[in-house]
Amino acid sequence: MTAQNISFHPMKRIEIIVKGEKESFVRDLLDQAEVSGYTLIRDIAGMGHHGFHEGRLLFNETASLVLFMAVGPQSIIQSIAEGLRPIFEKNSGVMFFSTVEVVRMDYFDR
């Protein structure tokens, strides 16, 4: 396959970082929104608004941070963001949005 034969399709990506205790809520929301798939990375470490957060806390998976990434049409990504509003009104965490281009559009059709 040469570069001239590749088609790019614009989509939206959402990245969500929340405490592990909210993992099941976010997973359920992503399933209900009918994204074609998502990536989940546990034990995220980093510096944020509340200071440095360790990646893996001994014997405490719910206090560690998790990162979700999903790609889909703007309407689906927007509905996910709206569904997450209750979490971010009362808990720490962040959401990031970006425009991406995908090659295998059939992976995003449901």
PDB file of N, CA and C in Angstrom:
ATOM      1  N   MET A   1       0.855  -1.172   0.000  1.00  0.00           N
ATOM      2  CA  MET A   1       0.000   0.000   0.000  1.00  0.00           C
ATOM      3  C   MET A   1       0.899   1.233   0.000  1.00  0.00           C
ATOM      4  N   THR A   2       0.689   2.124  -0.912  1.00  0.00           N
ATOM      5  CA  THR A   2       1.466   3.350  -0.969  1.00  0.00           C
ATOM      6  C   THR A   2       0.727   4.473  -0.267  1.00  0.00           C
ATOM      7  N   ALA A   3       1.441   5.525   0.047  1.00  0.00           N
ATOM      8  CA  ALA A   3       0.847   6.649   0.770  1.00  0.00           C
ATOM      9  C   ALA A   3      -0.310   7.275  -0.003  1.00  0.00           C
ATOM     10  N   GLN A   4      -0.267   7.225  -1.342  1.00  0.00           N
ATOM     11  CA  GLN A   4      -1.342   7.828  -2.123  1.00  0.00           C
ATOM     12  C   GLN A   4      -2.662   7.076  -1.950  1.00  0.00           C
ATOM     13  N   ASN A   5      -2.613   5.807  -1.581  1.00  0.00           N
ATOM     14  CA  ASN A   5      -3.819   4.998  -1.452  1.00  0.00           C
ATOM     15  C   ASN A   5      -4.443   5.038  -0.072  1.00  0.00           C
ATOM     16  N   ILE A   6      -3.822   5.718   0.857  1.00  0.00           N
ATOM     17  CA  ILE A   6      -4.344   5.776   2.222  1.00  0.00           C
ATOM     18  C   ILE A   6      -5.319   6.933   2.335  1.00  0.00           C
ATOM     19  N   SER A   7      -6.481   6.647   2.882  1.00  0.00           N
ATOM     20  CA  SER A   7      -7.479   7.690   3.128  1.00  0.00           C
ATOM     21  C   SER A   7      -7.523   7.993   4.613  1.00  0.00           C
ATOM     22  N   PHE A   8      -7.552   9.257   4.938  1.00  0.00           N
ATOM     23  CA  PHE A   8      -7.640   9.690   6.330  1.00  0.00           C
ATOM     24  C   PHE A   8      -9.055  10.189   6.609  1.00  0.00           C
ATOM     25  N   HIS A   9      -9.576   9.822   7.779  1.00  0.00           N
ATOM     26  CA  HIS A   9     -10.931  10.193   8.165  1.00  0.00           C
ATOM     27  C   HIS A   9     -10.886  10.917   9.505  1.00  0.00           C
ATOM     28  N   PRO A  10     -11.422  12.145   9.570  1.00  0.00           N
ATOM     29  CA  PRO A  10     -11.374  12.892  10.828  1.00  0.00           C
ATOM     30  C   PRO A  10     -12.322  12.299  11.868  1.00  0.00           C
ATOM     31  N   MET A  11     -11.832  12.224  13.096  1.00  0.00           N
ATOM     32  CA  MET A  11     -12.619  11.741  14.236  1.00  0.00           C
ATOM     33  C   MET A  11     -12.228  12.578  15.443  1.00  0.00           C
ATOM     34  N   LYS A  12     -12.907  12.372  16.544  1.00  0.00           N
ATOM     35  CA  LYS A  12     -12.586  13.036  17.807  1.00  0.00           C
ATOM     36  C   LYS A  12     -12.049  12.001  18.788  1.00  0.00           C
ATOM     37  N   ARG A  13     -11.110  12.445  19.618  1.00  0.00           N
ATOM     38  CA  ARG A  13     -10.557  11.576  20.662  1.00  0.00           C
ATOM     39  C   ARG A  13     -10.806  12.229  22.012  1.00  0.00           C
ATOM     40  N   ILE A  14     -11.163  11.411  22.968  1.00  0.00           N
ATOM     41  CA  ILE A  14     -11.300  11.857  24.344  1.00  0.00           C
ATOM     42  C   ILE A  14     -10.328  11.053  25.196  1.00  0.00           C
ATOM     43  N   GLU A  15      -9.645  11.741  26.088  1.00  0.00           N
ATOM     44  CA  GLU A  15      -8.775  11.102  27.073  1.00  0.00           C
ATOM     45  C   GLU A  15      -9.313  11.499  28.433  1.00  0.00           C
ATOM     46  N   ILE A  16      -9.499  10.524  29.290  1.00  0.00           N
ATOM     47  CA  ILE A  16     -10.131  10.740  30.588  1.00  0.00           C
ATOM     48  C   ILE A  16      -9.204  10.177  31.657  1.00  0.00           C
ATOM     49  N   ILE A  17      -8.859  11.001  32.650  1.00  0.00           N
ATOM     50  CA  ILE A  17      -8.064  10.528  33.780  1.00  0.00           C
ATOM     51  C   ILE A  17      -8.892  10.725  35.039  1.00  0.00           C
ATOM     52  N   VAL A  18      -9.148   9.615  35.734  1.00  0.00           N
ATOM     53  CA  VAL A  18      -9.931   9.640  36.968  1.00  0.00           C
ATOM     54  C   VAL A  18      -9.309   8.685  37.979  1.00  0.00           C
ATOM     55  N   LYS A  19      -9.751   8.805  39.228  1.00  0.00           N
ATOM     56  CA  LYS A  19      -9.325   7.844  40.244  1.00  0.00           C
ATOM     57  C   LYS A  19      -9.903   6.476  39.929  1.00  0.00           C
ATOM     58  N   GLY A  20      -9.182   5.440  40.322  1.00  0.00           N
ATOM     59  CA  GLY A  20      -9.596   4.070  40.054  1.00  0.00           C
ATOM     60  C   GLY A  20     -10.980   3.731  40.555  1.00  0.00           C
ATOM     61  N   GLU A  21     -11.418   4.396  41.593  1.00  0.00           N
ATOM     62  CA  GLU A  21     -12.751   4.122  42.135  1.00  0.00           C
ATOM     63  C   GLU A  21     -13.856   4.490  41.152  1.00  0.00           C
ATOM     64  N   LYS A  22     -13.556   5.309  40.145  1.00  0.00           N
ATOM     65  CA  LYS A  22     -14.533   5.717  39.125  1.00  0.00           C
ATOM     66  C   LYS A  22     -14.411   4.900  37.838  1.00  0.00           C
ATOM     67  N   GLU A  23     -13.512   3.914  37.824  1.00  0.00           N
ATOM     68  CA  GLU A  23     -13.277   3.131  36.606  1.00  0.00           C
ATOM     69  C   GLU A  23     -14.549   2.475  36.079  1.00  0.00           C
ATOM     70  N   SER A  24     -15.305   1.836  36.935  1.00  0.00           N
ATOM     71  CA  SER A  24     -16.506   1.130  36.463  1.00  0.00           C
ATOM     72  C   SER A  24     -17.541   2.113  35.916  1.00  0.00           C
ATOM     73  N   PHE A  25     -17.649   3.295  36.513  1.00  0.00           N
ATOM     74  CA  PHE A  25     -18.582   4.308  36.009  1.00  0.00           C
ATOM     75  C   PHE A  25     -18.201   4.705  34.587  1.00  0.00           C
ATOM     76  N   VAL A  26     -16.918   4.979  34.362  1.00  0.00           N
ATOM     77  CA  VAL A  26     -16.464   5.405  33.041  1.00  0.00           C
ATOM     78  C   VAL A  26     -16.615   4.267  32.031  1.00  0.00           C
ATOM     79  N   ARG A  27     -16.276   3.055  32.433  1.00  0.00           N
ATOM     80  CA  ARG A  27     -16.429   1.910  31.525  1.00  0.00           C
ATOM     81  C   ARG A  27     -17.885   1.735  31.114  1.00  0.00           C
ATOM     82  N   ASP A  28     -18.794   1.811  32.070  1.00  0.00           N
ATOM     83  CA  ASP A  28     -20.222   1.688  31.758  1.00  0.00           C
ATOM     84  C   ASP A  28     -20.668   2.796  30.807  1.00  0.00           C
ATOM     85  N   LEU A  29     -20.193   4.018  31.051  1.00  0.00           N
ATOM     86  CA  LEU A  29     -20.563   5.147  30.204  1.00  0.00           C
ATOM     87  C   LEU A  29     -20.056   4.947  28.770  1.00  0.00           C
ATOM     88  N   LEU A  30     -18.825   4.485  28.624  1.00  0.00           N
ATOM     89  CA  LEU A  30     -18.276   4.237  27.292  1.00  0.00           C
ATOM     90  C   LEU A  30     -19.055   3.131  26.584  1.00  0.00           C
ATOM     91  N   ASP A  31     -19.426   2.095  27.309  1.00  0.00           N
ATOM     92  CA  ASP A  31     -20.217   1.018  26.718  1.00  0.00           C
ATOM     93  C   ASP A  31     -21.592   1.520  26.278  1.00  0.00           C
ATOM     94  N   GLN A  32     -22.235   2.334  27.117  1.00  0.00           N
ATOM     95  CA  GLN A  32     -23.553   2.868  26.787  1.00  0.00           C
ATOM     96  C   GLN A  32     -23.492   3.839  25.607  1.00  0.00           C
ATOM     97  N   ALA A  33     -22.380   4.564  25.482  1.00  0.00           N
ATOM     98  CA  ALA A  33     -22.227   5.518  24.379  1.00  0.00           C
ATOM     99  C   ALA A  33     -21.954   4.800  23.062  1.00  0.00           C
ATOM    100  N   GLU A  34     -21.655   3.518  23.142  1.00  0.00           N
ATOM    101  CA  GLU A  34     -21.420   2.675  21.974  1.00  0.00           C
ATOM    102  C   GLU A  34     -20.196   3.090  21.168  1.00  0.00           C
ATOM    103  N   VAL A  35     -19.110   3.475  21.873  1.00  0.00           N
ATOM    104  CA  VAL A  35     -17.854   3.641  21.149  1.00  0.00           C
ATOM    105  C   VAL A  35     -17.430   2.257  20.697  1.00  0.00           C
ATOM    106  N   SER A  36     -16.700   2.190  19.612  1.00  0.00           N
ATOM    107  CA  SER A  36     -16.328   0.887  19.066  1.00  0.00           C
ATOM    108  C   SER A  36     -15.247   0.206  19.893  1.00  0.00           C
ATOM    109  N   GLY A  37     -14.590   0.947  20.756  1.00  0.00           N
ATOM    110  CA  GLY A  37     -13.558   0.395  21.620  1.00  0.00           C
ATOM    111  C   GLY A  37     -12.884   1.517  22.375  1.00  0.00           C
ATOM    112  N   TYR A  38     -12.060   1.160  23.329  1.00  0.00           N
ATOM    113  CA  TYR A  38     -11.308   2.154  24.086  1.00  0.00           C
ATOM    114  C   TYR A  38     -10.081   1.493  24.681  1.00  0.00           C
ATOM    115  N   THR A  39      -9.151   2.324  25.091  1.00  0.00           N
ATOM    116  CA  THR A  39      -7.943   1.859  25.744  1.00  0.00           C
ATOM    117  C   THR A  39      -8.003   2.294  27.199  1.00  0.00           C
ATOM    118  N   LEU A  40      -7.599   1.406  28.094  1.00  0.00           N
ATOM    119  CA  LEU A  40      -7.571   1.692  29.523  1.00  0.00           C
ATOM    120  C   LEU A  40      -6.163   1.405  30.031  1.00  0.00           C
ATOM    121  N   ILE A  41      -5.561   2.399  30.657  1.00  0.00           N
ATOM    122  CA  ILE A  41      -4.234   2.232  31.255  1.00  0.00           C
ATOM    123  C   ILE A  41      -4.370   2.540  32.741  1.00  0.00           C
ATOM    124  N   ARG A  42      -4.006   1.578  33.561  1.00  0.00           N
ATOM    125  CA  ARG A  42      -4.109   1.743  35.014  1.00  0.00           C
ATOM    126  C   ARG A  42      -2.788   2.225  35.597  1.00  0.00           C
ATOM    127  N   ASP A  43      -2.860   2.707  36.828  1.00  0.00           N
ATOM    128  CA  ASP A  43      -1.686   3.099  37.614  1.00  0.00           C
ATOM    129  C   ASP A  43      -0.903   4.239  36.968  1.00  0.00           C
ATOM    130  N   ILE A  44      -1.608   5.283  36.571  1.00  0.00           N
ATOM    131  CA  ILE A  44      -0.994   6.454  35.959  1.00  0.00           C
ATOM    132  C   ILE A  44      -0.338   7.299  37.053  1.00  0.00           C
ATOM    133  N   ALA A  45       0.849   7.805  36.783  1.00  0.00           N
ATOM    134  CA  ALA A  45       1.542   8.714  37.688  1.00  0.00           C
ATOM    135  C   ALA A  45       1.732  10.046  36.986  1.00  0.00           C
ATOM    136  N   GLY A  46       1.774  11.131  37.756  1.00  0.00           N
ATOM    137  CA  GLY A  46       2.048  12.425  37.155  1.00  0.00           C
ATOM    138  C   GLY A  46       1.748  13.574  38.084  1.00  0.00           C
ATOM    139  N   MET A  47       2.080  14.750  37.611  1.00  0.00           N
ATOM    140  CA  MET A  47       1.876  15.978  38.374  1.00  0.00           C
ATOM    141  C   MET A  47       0.630  16.675  37.875  1.00  0.00           C
ATOM    142  N   GLY A  48      -0.193  17.110  38.798  1.00  0.00           N
ATOM    143  CA  GLY A  48      -1.426  17.785  38.419  1.00  0.00           C
ATOM    144  C   GLY A  48      -1.815  18.842  39.427  1.00  0.00           C
ATOM    145  N   HIS A  49      -3.046  19.239  39.346  1.00  0.00           N
ATOM    146  CA  HIS A  49      -3.599  20.296  40.193  1.00  0.00           C
ATOM    147  C   HIS A  49      -3.450  19.993  41.678  1.00  0.00           C
ATOM    148  N   HIS A  50      -3.538  18.730  42.041  1.00  0.00           N
ATOM    149  CA  HIS A  50      -3.446  18.321  43.447  1.00  0.00           C
ATOM    150  C   HIS A  50      -2.054  17.804  43.809  1.00  0.00           C
ATOM    151  N   GLY A  51      -1.033  18.152  43.030  1.00  0.00           N
ATOM    152  CA  GLY A  51       0.333  17.726  43.312  1.00  0.00           C
ATOM    153  C   GLY A  51       0.676  16.441  42.574  1.00  0.00           C
ATOM    154  N   PHE A  52       1.778  15.827  42.985  1.00  0.00           N
ATOM    155  CA  PHE A  52       2.238  14.606  42.324  1.00  0.00           C
ATOM    156  C   PHE A  52       1.414  13.417  42.796  1.00  0.00           C
ATOM    157  N   HIS A  53       1.054  12.557  41.876  1.00  0.00           N
ATOM    158  CA  HIS A  53       0.273  11.362  42.196  1.00  0.00           C
ATOM    159  C   HIS A  53       1.068  10.140  41.802  1.00  0.00           C
ATOM    160  N   GLU A  54       1.275   9.246  42.751  1.00  0.00           N
ATOM    161  CA  GLU A  54       1.999   8.001  42.495  1.00  0.00           C
ATOM    162  C   GLU A  54       1.176   7.101  41.592  1.00  0.00           C
ATOM    163  N   GLY A  55       1.850   6.314  40.801  1.00  0.00           N
ATOM    164  CA  GLY A  55       1.166   5.426  39.872  1.00  0.00           C
ATOM    165  C   GLY A  55       0.513   4.241  40.546  1.00  0.00           C
ATOM    166  N   ARG A  56       1.233   3.536  41.360  1.00  0.00           N
ATOM    167  CA  ARG A  56       0.709   2.318  41.979  1.00  0.00           C
ATOM    168  C   ARG A  56       0.796   2.446  43.486  1.00  0.00           C
ATOM    169  N   LEU A  57      -0.337   2.497  44.113  1.00  0.00           N
ATOM    170  CA  LEU A  57      -0.372   2.572  45.568  1.00  0.00           C
ATOM    171  C   LEU A  57      -0.551   1.170  46.119  1.00  0.00           C
ATOM    172  N   LEU A  58       0.288   0.782  47.004  1.00  0.00           N
ATOM    173  CA  LEU A  58       0.300  -0.571  47.558  1.00  0.00           C
ATOM    174  C   LEU A  58      -1.059  -0.930  48.153  1.00  0.00           C
ATOM    175  N   PHE A  59      -1.639  -2.020  47.677  1.00  0.00           N
ATOM    176  CA  PHE A  59      -2.906  -2.565  48.176  1.00  0.00           C
ATOM    177  C   PHE A  59      -4.085  -1.601  48.033  1.00  0.00           C
ATOM    178  N   ASN A  60      -4.023  -0.658  47.091  1.00  0.00           N
ATOM    179  CA  ASN A  60      -5.114   0.291  46.971  1.00  0.00           C
ATOM    180  C   ASN A  60      -5.324   0.676  45.508  1.00  0.00           C
ATOM    181  N   GLU A  61      -5.962  -0.196  44.742  1.00  0.00           N
ATOM    182  CA  GLU A  61      -6.183   0.066  43.323  1.00  0.00           C
ATOM    183  C   GLU A  61      -7.199   1.169  43.069  1.00  0.00           C
ATOM    184  N   THR A  62      -8.106   1.401  44.003  1.00  0.00           N
ATOM    185  CA  THR A  62      -9.135   2.410  43.756  1.00  0.00           C
ATOM    186  C   THR A  62      -8.595   3.826  43.894  1.00  0.00           C
ATOM    187  N   ALA A  63      -7.485   4.017  44.600  1.00  0.00           N
ATOM    188  CA  ALA A  63      -6.911   5.353  44.746  1.00  0.00           C
ATOM    189  C   ALA A  63      -5.948   5.685  43.619  1.00  0.00           C
ATOM    190  N   SER A  64      -5.511   4.689  42.852  1.00  0.00           N
ATOM    191  CA  SER A  64      -4.609   4.969  41.737  1.00  0.00           C
ATOM    192  C   SER A  64      -5.397   5.620  40.611  1.00  0.00           C
ATOM    193  N   LEU A  65      -4.687   6.248  39.687  1.00  0.00           N
ATOM    194  CA  LEU A  65      -5.340   6.903  38.559  1.00  0.00           C
ATOM    195  C   LEU A  65      -5.424   5.969  37.367  1.00  0.00           C
ATOM    196  N   VAL A  66      -6.496   6.117  36.589  1.00  0.00           N
ATOM    197  CA  VAL A  66      -6.668   5.350  35.357  1.00  0.00           C
ATOM    198  C   VAL A  66      -6.874   6.328  34.205  1.00  0.00           C
ATOM    199  N   LEU A  67      -6.401   5.924  33.035  1.00  0.00           N
ATOM    200  CA  LEU A  67      -6.526   6.725  31.825  1.00  0.00           C
ATOM    201  C   LEU A  67      -7.333   5.939  30.803  1.00  0.00           C
ATOM    202  N   PHE A  68      -8.385   6.553  30.310  1.00  0.00           N
ATOM    203  CA  PHE A  68      -9.185   5.993  29.221  1.00  0.00           C
ATOM    204  C   PHE A  68      -8.942   6.830  27.976  1.00  0.00           C
ATOM    205  N   MET A  69      -8.859   6.176  26.831  1.00  0.00           N
ATOM    206  CA  MET A  69      -8.778   6.866  25.537  1.00  0.00           C
ATOM    207  C   MET A  69      -9.793   6.218  24.607  1.00  0.00           C
ATOM    208  N   ALA A  70     -10.567   7.049  23.934  1.00  0.00           N
ATOM    209  CA  ALA A  70     -11.548   6.547  22.982  1.00  0.00           C
ATOM    210  C   ALA A  70     -11.603   7.491  21.787  1.00  0.00           C
ATOM    211  N   VAL A  71     -11.892   6.939  20.628  1.00  0.00           N
ATOM    212  CA  VAL A  71     -12.014   7.706  19.390  1.00  0.00           C
ATOM    213  C   VAL A  71     -13.370   7.410  18.781  1.00  0.00           C
ATOM    214  N   GLY A  72     -14.022   8.430  18.265  1.00  0.00           N
ATOM    215  CA  GLY A  72     -15.310   8.237  17.635  1.00  0.00           C
ATOM    216  C   GLY A  72     -15.809   9.508  16.990  1.00  0.00           C
ATOM    217  N   PRO A  73     -16.997   9.460  16.432  1.00  0.00           N
ATOM    218  CA  PRO A  73     -17.602  10.662  15.862  1.00  0.00           C
ATOM    219  C   PRO A  73     -17.849  11.708  16.955  1.00  0.00           C
ATOM    220  N   GLN A  74     -17.876  12.951  16.577  1.00  0.00           N
ATOM    221  CA  GLN A  74     -18.044  14.032  17.557  1.00  0.00           C
ATOM    222  C   GLN A  74     -19.288  13.838  18.418  1.00  0.00           C
ATOM    223  N   SER A  75     -20.384  13.387  17.849  1.00  0.00           N
ATOM    224  CA  SER A  75     -21.623  13.235  18.618  1.00  0.00           C
ATOM    225  C   SER A  75     -21.450  12.234  19.764  1.00  0.00           C
ATOM    226  N   ILE A  76     -20.746  11.149  19.521  1.00  0.00           N
ATOM    227  CA  ILE A  76     -20.530  10.147  20.572  1.00  0.00           C
ATOM    228  C   ILE A  76     -19.570  10.678  21.620  1.00  0.00           C
ATOM    229  N   ILE A  77     -18.481  11.306  21.196  1.00  0.00           N
ATOM    230  CA  ILE A  77     -17.507  11.845  22.153  1.00  0.00           C
ATOM    231  C   ILE A  77     -18.147  12.933  23.003  1.00  0.00           C
ATOM    232  N   GLN A  78     -18.996  13.741  22.405  1.00  0.00           N
ATOM    233  CA  GLN A  78     -19.688  14.787  23.154  1.00  0.00           C
ATOM    234  C   GLN A  78     -20.647  14.184  24.183  1.00  0.00           C
ATOM    235  N   SER A  79     -21.343  13.117  23.821  1.00  0.00           N
ATOM    236  CA  SER A  79     -22.257  12.489  24.788  1.00  0.00           C
ATOM    237  C   SER A  79     -21.476  11.880  25.955  1.00  0.00           C
ATOM    238  N   ILE A  80     -20.282  11.357  25.690  1.00  0.00           N
ATOM    239  CA  ILE A  80     -19.434  10.833  26.769  1.00  0.00           C
ATOM    240  C   ILE A  80     -19.046  11.966  27.709  1.00  0.00           C
ATOM    241  N   ALA A  81     -18.617  13.088  27.150  1.00  0.00           N
ATOM    242  CA  ALA A  81     -18.221  14.241  27.970  1.00  0.00           C
ATOM    243  C   ALA A  81     -19.373  14.721  28.838  1.00  0.00           C
ATOM    244  N   GLU A  82     -20.560  14.770  28.276  1.00  0.00           N
ATOM    245  CA  GLU A  82     -21.728  15.198  29.043  1.00  0.00           C
ATOM    246  C   GLU A  82     -22.045  14.201  30.154  1.00  0.00           C
ATOM    247  N   GLY A  83     -21.878  12.920  29.881  1.00  0.00           N
ATOM    248  CA  GLY A  83     -22.130  11.897  30.892  1.00  0.00           C
ATOM    249  C   GLY A  83     -21.115  11.918  32.023  1.00  0.00           C
ATOM    250  N   LEU A  84     -19.930  12.444  31.755  1.00  0.00           N
ATOM    251  CA  LEU A  84     -18.890  12.526  32.784  1.00  0.00           C
ATOM    252  C   LEU A  84     -19.022  13.748  33.683  1.00  0.00           C
ATOM    253  N   ARG A  85     -19.872  14.658  33.318  1.00  0.00           N
ATOM    254  CA  ARG A  85     -20.031  15.898  34.087  1.00  0.00           C
ATOM    255  C   ARG A  85     -20.229  15.652  35.584  1.00  0.00           C
ATOM    256  N   PRO A  86     -21.079  14.715  36.011  1.00  0.00           N
ATOM    257  CA  PRO A  86     -21.250  14.505  37.455  1.00  0.00           C
ATOM    258  C   PRO A  86     -19.950  14.130  38.181  1.00  0.00           C
ATOM    259  N   ILE A  87     -19.088  13.371  37.520  1.00  0.00           N
ATOM    260  CA  ILE A  87     -17.818  12.996  38.160  1.00  0.00           C
ATOM    261  C   ILE A  87     -16.961  14.228  38.403  1.00  0.00           C
ATOM    262  N   PHE A  88     -16.833  15.074  37.392  1.00  0.00           N
ATOM    263  CA  PHE A  88     -15.925  16.205  37.497  1.00  0.00           C
ATOM    264  C   PHE A  88     -16.488  17.360  38.314  1.00  0.00           C
ATOM    265  N   GLU A  89     -17.777  17.335  38.616  1.00  0.00           N
ATOM    266  CA  GLU A  89     -18.348  18.350  39.502  1.00  0.00           C
ATOM    267  C   GLU A  89     -17.961  18.094  40.949  1.00  0.00           C
ATOM    268  N   LYS A  90     -17.697  16.813  41.302  1.00  0.00           N
ATOM    269  CA  LYS A  90     -17.455  16.461  42.708  1.00  0.00           C
ATOM    270  C   LYS A  90     -16.114  15.791  42.959  1.00  0.00           C
ATOM    271  N   ASN A  91     -15.366  15.449  41.918  1.00  0.00           N
ATOM    272  CA  ASN A  91     -14.128  14.685  42.071  1.00  0.00           C
ATOM    273  C   ASN A  91     -13.018  15.286  41.217  1.00  0.00           C
ATOM    274  N   SER A  92     -11.805  14.940  41.558  1.00  0.00           N
ATOM    275  CA  SER A  92     -10.687  15.373  40.728  1.00  0.00           C
ATOM    276  C   SER A  92     -10.613  14.493  39.485  1.00  0.00           C
ATOM    277  N   GLY A  93      -9.958  15.008  38.481  1.00  0.00           N
ATOM    278  CA  GLY A  93      -9.802  14.300  37.222  1.00  0.00           C
ATOM    279  C   GLY A  93      -9.802  15.286  36.077  1.00  0.00           C
ATOM    280  N   VAL A  94      -9.449  14.804  34.896  1.00  0.00           N
ATOM    281  CA  VAL A  94      -9.401  15.685  33.729  1.00  0.00           C
ATOM    282  C   VAL A  94      -9.904  14.958  32.490  1.00  0.00           C
ATOM    283  N   MET A  95     -10.328  15.752  31.508  1.00  0.00           N
ATOM    284  CA  MET A  95     -10.680  15.253  30.184  1.00  0.00           C
ATOM    285  C   MET A  95      -9.923  16.093  29.163  1.00  0.00           C
ATOM    286  N   PHE A  96      -9.462  15.435  28.110  1.00  0.00           N
ATOM    287  CA  PHE A  96      -8.817  16.127  27.001  1.00  0.00           C
ATOM    288  C   PHE A  96      -9.525  15.711  25.718  1.00  0.00           C
ATOM    289  N   PHE A  97      -9.666  16.647  24.791  1.00  0.00           N
ATOM    290  CA  PHE A  97     -10.297  16.381  23.516  1.00  0.00           C
ATOM    291  C   PHE A  97      -9.348  16.805  22.404  1.00  0.00           C
ATOM    292  N   SER A  98      -9.347  16.054  21.326  1.00  0.00           N
ATOM    293  CA  SER A  98      -8.528  16.425  20.180  1.00  0.00           C
ATOM    294  C   SER A  98      -9.155  15.863  18.911  1.00  0.00           C
ATOM    295  N   THR A  99      -8.772  16.448  17.809  1.00  0.00           N
ATOM    296  CA  THR A  99      -9.174  15.939  16.504  1.00  0.00           C
ATOM    297  C   THR A  99      -8.050  15.044  16.005  1.00  0.00           C
ATOM    298  N   VAL A 100      -8.413  13.857  15.585  1.00  0.00           N
ATOM    299  CA  VAL A 100      -7.439  12.899  15.070  1.00  0.00           C
ATOM    300  C   VAL A 100      -7.922  12.418  13.705  1.00  0.00           C
ATOM    301  N   GLU A 101      -7.042  11.751  12.997  1.00  0.00           N
ATOM    302  CA  GLU A 101      -7.422  11.141  11.733  1.00  0.00           C
ATOM    303  C   GLU A 101      -7.139   9.654  11.816  1.00  0.00           C
ATOM    304  N   VAL A 102      -8.085   8.862  11.363  1.00  0.00           N
ATOM    305  CA  VAL A 102      -7.933   7.412  11.383  1.00  0.00           C
ATOM    306  C   VAL A 102      -7.872   6.897   9.949  1.00  0.00           C
ATOM    307  N   VAL A 103      -7.212   5.784   9.781  1.00  0.00           N
ATOM    308  CA  VAL A 103      -7.097   5.169   8.468  1.00  0.00           C
ATOM    309  C   VAL A 103      -8.130   4.052   8.314  1.00  0.00           C
ATOM    310  N   ARG A 104      -8.275   3.252   9.332  1.00  0.00           N
ATOM    311  CA  ARG A 104      -9.175   2.094   9.245  1.00  0.00           C
ATOM    312  C   ARG A 104     -10.570   2.468   9.773  1.00  0.00           C
ATOM    313  N   MET A 105     -11.306   3.169   8.969  1.00  0.00           N
ATOM    314  CA  MET A 105     -12.628   3.667   9.358  1.00  0.00           C
ATOM    315  C   MET A 105     -13.562   2.535   9.770  1.00  0.00           C
ATOM    316  N   ASP A 106     -13.385   1.354   9.196  1.00  0.00           N
ATOM    317  CA  ASP A 106     -14.254   0.227   9.541  1.00  0.00           C
ATOM    318  C   ASP A 106     -14.136  -0.165  11.013  1.00  0.00           C
ATOM    319  N   TYR A 107     -13.059   0.215  11.679  1.00  0.00           N
ATOM    320  CA  TYR A 107     -12.903  -0.058  13.117  1.00  0.00           C
ATOM    321  C   TYR A 107     -13.817   0.818  13.971  1.00  0.00           C
ATOM    322  N   PHE A 108     -14.336   1.882  13.403  1.00  0.00           N
ATOM    323  CA  PHE A 108     -15.125   2.845  14.173  1.00  0.00           C
ATOM    324  C   PHE A 108     -16.595   2.819  13.810  1.00  0.00           C
ATOM    325  N   ASP A 109     -16.980   1.940  12.919  1.00  0.00           N
ATOM    326  CA  ASP A 109     -18.392   1.764  12.577  1.00  0.00           C
ATOM    327  C   ASP A 109     -18.997   0.747  13.526  1.00  0.00           C
ATOM    328  N   ARG A 110     -20.149   1.061  14.059  1.00  0.00           N
ATOM    329  CA  ARG A 110     -20.827   0.124  14.966  1.00  0.00           C
ATOM    330  C   ARG A 110     -22.057  -0.410  14.318  1.00  0.00           C
TER     331      ARG A 110
END
